[in-house]
C-alpha atoms as a PDB file:
ATOM      1  CA  MET A   1     117.808  80.363  87.388  1.00  0.00           C
ATOM      2  CA  PRO A   2     120.050  81.187  90.362  1.00  0.00           C
ATOM      3  CA  ALA A   3     119.563  84.632  91.876  1.00  0.00           C
ATOM      4  CA  SER A   4     123.149  85.541  90.991  1.00  0.00           C
ATOM      5  CA  GLN A   5     122.275  85.270  87.290  1.00  0.00           C
ATOM      6  CA  LEU A   6     119.207  87.530  87.448  1.00  0.00           C
ATOM      7  CA  SER A   7     119.568  90.809  85.615  1.00  0.00           C
ATOM      8  CA  PRO A   8     117.322  93.856  85.963  1.00  0.00           C
ATOM      9  CA  CYS A   9     115.724  92.767  82.655  1.00  0.00           C
ATOM     10  CA  HIS A  10     114.793  89.391  84.144  1.00  0.00           C
ATOM     11  CA  ILE A  11     113.232  91.102  87.136  1.00  0.00           C
ATOM     12  CA  VAL A  12     111.233  93.513  84.960  1.00  0.00           C
ATOM     13  CA  LEU A  13     109.986  90.680  82.754  1.00  0.00           C
ATOM     14  CA  SER A  14     109.030  88.649  85.811  1.00  0.00           C
ATOM     15  CA  VAL A  15     107.038  91.542  87.244  1.00  0.00           C
ATOM     16  CA  ARG A  16     105.392  92.152  83.854  1.00  0.00           C
ATOM     17  CA  ASN A  17     104.382  88.501  83.693  1.00  0.00           C
ATOM     18  CA  MET A  18     102.711  88.667  87.124  1.00  0.00           C
ATOM     19  CA  GLY A  19      99.738  90.146  85.322  1.00  0.00           C
ATOM     20  CA  LEU A  20      98.952  93.123  87.552  1.00  0.00           C
ATOM     21  CA  ALA A  21      95.508  94.016  86.283  1.00  0.00           C
ATOM     22  CA  SER A  22      94.877  97.603  85.249  1.00  0.00           C
ATOM     23  CA  SER A  23      91.873  97.751  87.558  1.00  0.00           C
ATOM     24  CA  THR A  24      94.010  96.673  90.529  1.00  0.00           C
ATOM     25  CA  LEU A  25      96.804  99.117  89.739  1.00  0.00           C
ATOM     26  CA  GLY A  26      94.394 101.997  89.128  1.00  0.00           C
ATOM     27  CA  THR A  27      92.532 101.301  92.372  1.00  0.00           C
ATOM     28  CA  LEU A  28      95.732 101.008  94.436  1.00  0.00           C
ATOM     29  CA  ALA A  29      97.107 104.243  92.997  1.00  0.00           C
ATOM     30  CA  ALA A  30      93.800 106.031  93.601  1.00  0.00           C
ATOM     31  CA  LEU A  31      93.653 104.817  97.206  1.00  0.00           C
ATOM     32  CA  THR A  32      97.235 105.962  97.733  1.00  0.00           C
ATOM     33  CA  ASN A  33      96.408 109.432  96.454  1.00  0.00           C
ATOM     34  CA  PHE A  34      93.177 109.601  98.435  1.00  0.00           C
ATOM     35  CA  GLY A  35      95.160 108.732 101.561  1.00  0.00           C
ATOM     36  CA  LEU A  36      96.075 112.415 101.402  1.00  0.00           C
ATOM     37  CA  LEU A  37      92.667 113.183 102.922  1.00  0.00           C
ATOM     38  CA  GLY A  38      93.693 111.339 106.076  1.00  0.00           C
ATOM     39  CA  ILE A  39      97.061 113.068 106.174  1.00  0.00           C
ATOM     40  CA  ASN A  40      95.668 116.566 105.725  1.00  0.00           C
ATOM     41  CA  ALA A  41      92.598 115.679 107.841  1.00  0.00           C
ATOM     42  CA  GLY A  42      90.135 116.477 105.096  1.00  0.00           C
ATOM     43  CA  PHE A  43      91.972 119.696 104.206  1.00  0.00           C
ATOM     44  CA  THR A  44      91.756 121.036 107.766  1.00  0.00           C
ATOM     45  CA  ARG A  45      95.562 120.636 107.977  1.00  0.00           C
ATOM     46  CA  ALA A  46      96.329 121.422 104.335  1.00  0.00           C
ATOM     47  CA  ALA A  47      98.287 124.556 105.233  1.00  0.00           C
ATOM     48  CA  GLU A  48     100.472 122.571 107.619  1.00  0.00           C
ATOM     49  CA  LEU A  49     101.310 120.065 104.895  1.00  0.00           C
ATOM     50  CA  GLU A  50     102.037 122.930 102.508  1.00  0.00           C
ATOM     51  CA  SER A  51     104.463 124.463 105.012  1.00  0.00           C
ATOM     52  CA  TYR A  52     106.836 121.500 104.720  1.00  0.00           C
ATOM     53  CA  ASN A  53     107.048 121.414 100.916  1.00  0.00           C
ATOM     54  CA  PRO A  54     105.114 124.226  99.207  1.00  0.00           C
ATOM     55  CA  SER A  55     106.187 123.272  95.693  1.00  0.00           C
ATOM     56  CA  ALA A  56     104.636 119.791  95.939  1.00  0.00           C
ATOM     57  CA  PHE A  57     101.897 120.321  98.500  1.00  0.00           C
ATOM     58  CA  SER A  58     100.292 123.706  98.012  1.00  0.00           C
ATOM     59  CA  VAL A  59      96.542 123.509  98.627  1.00  0.00           C
ATOM     60  CA  PHE A  60      96.061 123.556  94.851  1.00  0.00           C
ATOM     61  CA  GLY A  61      98.665 120.784  94.529  1.00  0.00           C
ATOM     62  CA  GLN A  62      96.786 118.716  97.102  1.00  0.00           C
ATOM     63  CA  ILE A  63      93.584 119.097  95.087  1.00  0.00           C
ATOM     64  CA  LEU A  64      95.417 117.971  91.954  1.00  0.00           C
ATOM     65  CA  ILE A  65      96.725 114.897  93.781  1.00  0.00           C
ATOM     66  CA  LEU A  66      93.092 113.908  94.305  1.00  0.00           C
ATOM     67  CA  VAL A  67      92.276 114.628  90.646  1.00  0.00           C
ATOM     68  CA  TRP A  68      95.156 112.355  89.590  1.00  0.00           C
ATOM     69  CA  GLY A  69      93.747 109.707  91.945  1.00  0.00           C
ATOM     70  CA  VAL A  70      90.426 109.846  90.116  1.00  0.00           C
ATOM     71  CA  ALA A  71      92.271 109.568  86.790  1.00  0.00           C
ATOM     72  CA  PHE A  72      94.168 106.470  87.989  1.00  0.00           C
ATOM     73  CA  TYR A  73      90.920 104.858  89.122  1.00  0.00           C
ATOM     74  CA  VAL A  74      89.071 105.594  85.876  1.00  0.00           C
ATOM     75  CA  ALA A  75      92.014 104.395  83.769  1.00  0.00           C
ATOM     76  CA  GLY A  76      92.061 101.135  85.669  1.00  0.00           C
ATOM     77  CA  LYS A  77      88.319 100.581  85.423  1.00  0.00           C
ATOM     78  CA  THR A  78      88.182 101.395  81.694  1.00  0.00           C
ATOM     79  CA  ASN A  79      91.326  99.416  80.833  1.00  0.00           C
ATOM     80  CA  ALA A  80      93.123 102.476  79.480  1.00  0.00           C
ATOM     81  CA  ALA A  81      95.573 102.114  76.625  1.00  0.00           C
ATOM     82  CA  PRO A  82      99.257 101.601  77.445  1.00  0.00           C
ATOM     83  CA  ALA A  83      99.979 105.192  76.363  1.00  0.00           C
ATOM     84  CA  MET A  84      97.800 106.519  79.195  1.00  0.00           C
ATOM     85  CA  TRP A  85      99.859 104.555  81.729  1.00  0.00           C
ATOM     86  CA  GLY A  86     102.896 106.211  80.136  1.00  0.00           C
ATOM     87  CA  VAL A  87     101.380 109.605  80.938  1.00  0.00           C
ATOM     88  CA  PHE A  88     100.906 108.447  84.527  1.00  0.00           C
ATOM     89  CA  ALA A  89     104.521 107.256  84.634  1.00  0.00           C
ATOM     90  CA  ALA A  90     105.624 110.723  83.496  1.00  0.00           C
ATOM     91  CA  GLU A  91     103.551 112.296  86.293  1.00  0.00           C
ATOM     92  CA  LYS A  92     105.179 109.994  88.861  1.00  0.00           C
ATOM     93  CA  PHE A  93     108.614 110.777  87.434  1.00  0.00           C
ATOM     94  CA  CYS A  94     107.934 114.487  88.026  1.00  0.00           C
ATOM     95  CA  TYR A  95     106.884 113.918  91.646  1.00  0.00           C
ATOM     96  CA  THR A  96     109.819 111.599  92.306  1.00  0.00           C
ATOM     97  CA  ALA A  97     112.249 114.128  90.815  1.00  0.00           C
ATOM     98  CA  ALA A  98     110.676 116.954  92.836  1.00  0.00           C
ATOM     99  CA  TRP A  99     111.078 114.880  96.007  1.00  0.00           C
ATOM    100  CA  VAL A 100     114.740 114.091  95.284  1.00  0.00           C
ATOM    101  CA  HIS A 101     115.339 117.777  94.544  1.00  0.00           C
ATOM    102  CA  TRP A 102     113.645 118.770  97.826  1.00  0.00           C
ATOM    103  CA  LEU A 103     115.727 116.252  99.793  1.00  0.00           C
ATOM    104  CA  MET A 104     118.963 117.492  98.233  1.00  0.00           C
ATOM    105  CA  ALA A 105     118.312 121.212  97.947  1.00  0.00           C
ATOM    106  CA  ASP A 106     116.383 122.135 101.074  1.00  0.00           C
ATOM    107  CA  GLU A 107     118.330 120.663 103.974  1.00  0.00           C
ATOM    108  CA  THR A 108     116.664 122.994 106.474  1.00  0.00           C
ATOM    109  CA  ALA A 109     113.167 121.879 105.453  1.00  0.00           C
ATOM    110  CA  VAL A 110     114.166 118.215 105.557  1.00  0.00           C
ATOM    111  CA  HIS A 111     115.616 118.598 109.066  1.00  0.00           C
ATOM    112  CA  HIS A 112     112.536 120.537 110.168  1.00  0.00           C
ATOM    113  CA  ALA A 113     110.205 117.819 108.818  1.00  0.00           C
ATOM    114  CA  THR A 114     112.298 115.112 110.469  1.00  0.00           C
ATOM    115  CA  ASP A 115     112.303 116.965 113.803  1.00  0.00           C
ATOM    116  CA  MET A 116     108.560 117.632 113.696  1.00  0.00           C
ATOM    117  CA  ALA A 117     107.767 114.008 112.813  1.00  0.00           C
ATOM    118  CA  THR A 118     110.014 112.725 115.602  1.00  0.00           C
ATOM    119  CA  LYS A 119     108.503 115.084 118.189  1.00  0.00           C
ATOM    120  CA  ALA A 120     104.962 114.175 117.158  1.00  0.00           C
ATOM    121  CA  ILE A 121     105.672 110.436 117.275  1.00  0.00           C
ATOM    122  CA  ASP A 122     107.379 110.789 120.663  1.00  0.00           C
ATOM    123  CA  ALA A 123     104.283 112.624 121.911  1.00  0.00           C
ATOM    124  CA  GLY A 124     102.010 109.935 120.463  1.00  0.00           C
ATOM    125  CA  ASP A 125     100.373 112.426 118.088  1.00  0.00           C
ATOM    126  CA  PHE A 126     100.351 110.406 114.895  1.00  0.00           C
ATOM    127  CA  LEU A 127      98.023 112.825 113.090  1.00  0.00           C
ATOM    128  CA  ALA A 128     100.611 115.584 113.596  1.00  0.00           C
ATOM    129  CA  ALA A 129     103.359 113.228 112.403  1.00  0.00           C
ATOM    130  CA  ALA A 130     101.580 112.428 109.132  1.00  0.00           C
ATOM    131  CA  PRO A 131     102.311 115.639 107.147  1.00  0.00           C
ATOM    132  CA  PRO A 132     106.075 115.690 107.737  1.00  0.00           C
ATOM    133  CA  LEU A 133     106.295 111.917 107.217  1.00  0.00           C
ATOM    134  CA  LEU A 134     104.485 112.271 103.890  1.00  0.00           C
ATOM    135  CA  CYS A 135     106.958 114.923 102.775  1.00  0.00           C
ATOM    136  CA  LEU A 136     109.872 112.712 103.785  1.00  0.00           C
ATOM    137  CA  THR A 137     108.576 109.602 101.980  1.00  0.00           C
ATOM    138  CA  PHE A 138     106.227 110.498  99.123  1.00  0.00           C
ATOM    139  CA  GLY A 139     108.886 110.240  96.430  1.00  0.00           C
ATOM    140  CA  ALA A 140     109.756 106.672  97.361  1.00  0.00           C
ATOM    141  CA  VAL A 141     106.109 105.667  96.990  1.00  0.00           C
ATOM    142  CA  ASP A 142     105.852 107.583  93.713  1.00  0.00           C
ATOM    143  CA  ALA A 143     108.979 105.805  92.450  1.00  0.00           C
ATOM    144  CA  ILE A 144     107.228 102.463  92.992  1.00  0.00           C
ATOM    145  CA  TYR A 145     104.230 103.676  91.007  1.00  0.00           C
ATOM    146  CA  LEU A 146     106.578 105.074  88.352  1.00  0.00           C
ATOM    147  CA  PHE A 147     107.938 101.548  87.923  1.00  0.00           C
ATOM    148  CA  LEU A 148     104.503  99.911  87.860  1.00  0.00           C
ATOM    149  CA  PHE A 149     102.992 102.492  85.497  1.00  0.00           C
ATOM    150  CA  THR A 150     105.993 102.113  83.199  1.00  0.00           C
ATOM    151  CA  LEU A 151     105.414  98.364  83.063  1.00  0.00           C
ATOM    152  CA  LYS A 152     101.778  98.986  82.126  1.00  0.00           C
ATOM    153  CA  ALA A 153     102.881 101.472  79.476  1.00  0.00           C
ATOM    154  CA  LEU A 154     105.200  98.870  77.975  1.00  0.00           C
ATOM    155  CA  GLU A 155     102.418  96.330  77.572  1.00  0.00           C
ATOM    156  CA  SER A 156     101.632  95.638  73.978  1.00  0.00           C
ATOM    157  CA  PRO A 157      98.151  96.562  72.746  1.00  0.00           C
ATOM    158  CA  VAL A 158      97.555  92.812  72.359  1.00  0.00           C
ATOM    159  CA  ASP A 159      98.283  92.284  76.083  1.00  0.00           C
ATOM    160  CA  ALA A 160      95.945  95.162  76.997  1.00  0.00           C
ATOM    161  CA  ALA A 161      93.197  93.769  74.736  1.00  0.00           C
ATOM    162  CA  ALA A 162      93.584  90.305  76.270  1.00  0.00           C
ATOM    163  CA  GLU A 163      93.261  91.782  79.756  1.00  0.00           C
ATOM    164  CA  ALA A 164      90.088  93.609  78.711  1.00  0.00           C
ATOM    165  CA  LYS A 165      88.655  90.399  77.265  1.00  0.00           C
ATOM    166  CA  ARG A 166      89.424  88.495  80.498  1.00  0.00           C
ATOM    167  CA  ARG A 167      87.619  91.156  82.511  1.00  0.00           C
ATOM    168  CA  ASN A 168      84.455  90.964  80.379  1.00  0.00           C
END
């Protein structure tokens, strides 16, 4: 089929048919969330990250990001039901919406994060650039996981059972 005739439905069905295994998706999502430990330097820079976007990255929020990472990993390894992936999609929707709201509503914070990231990169201090860059980009990454989790949630129980059987 020519690319000009592809609809969003065709693209979604094509991605669904790629067969992204639950274990792969859960592991990737967990690793993404656990990347936070590099960004906040094992919580030694947690307050700095919180300063850019306190509603998403309070210290408590950063702990919960790690808890969600564990949940993604366990769901992938235990071949969780499609409904569980729907819960994860809802979580990613909330983070994506919070990011869009932050970008639109807090222009000063966005400019501050952009300035701090630029200054840190110019100085070659990539560890200092990580917190503001995370705040500027996390919603885009969460939107990708929202899409992937939604696809998993839309799998039929028969598809999920077949995947579990293939894994065993």
